[in-house]
Amino acid sequence: MKLTIVPLTLAICRLAADEPIPGWALSRQGFFSITVTEDELSIVCPVAAVPAGVTCEQPWRAIKVLGPLDFALVGILAALAEVLARAQISIFAISTFDTDYILLKEQQLERAITVLKQAGHDLFGELTCS
């Protein structure tokens, strides 16, 4: 698969399910994702957008599967997750209409790149972040 590194440092935040979506989550600075369930409100956004006091895990980095991907394709995330799981690298996956993203802790990014390349995947992009 052809993959690219998203050049942002991300946070994964958890808010109560009944909280309104906060304005800071809508910064639209390159990458953000909001998921609401009956149990929680999860927000993935650049670290710089998260105000003090918000429950979150950081720093995370994202690897994007270059798309668009056809909905008939199967096993895209599974293939990547399997390679990373064998290397003991935990992931947080997000899918969009066009493609998939794998988020991983920033300190595991270089190792993830190495094992993904060894598994035959093509990675494009720099390790830089903002």
Foldseek 3Di string as FASTA:
>chain_A
DEKEWQAAWKKKFKDALPDDDDPLLVPPPRDKDWDHDNGIIIIMDGPVSDDPPTDIDDGKIKMWDDWQDDPPDPCPVVVLVVLCVVVVWDWDKDADNGTIMTMGHLVCVVVSVVSCVVVPYHYDYDSHHD
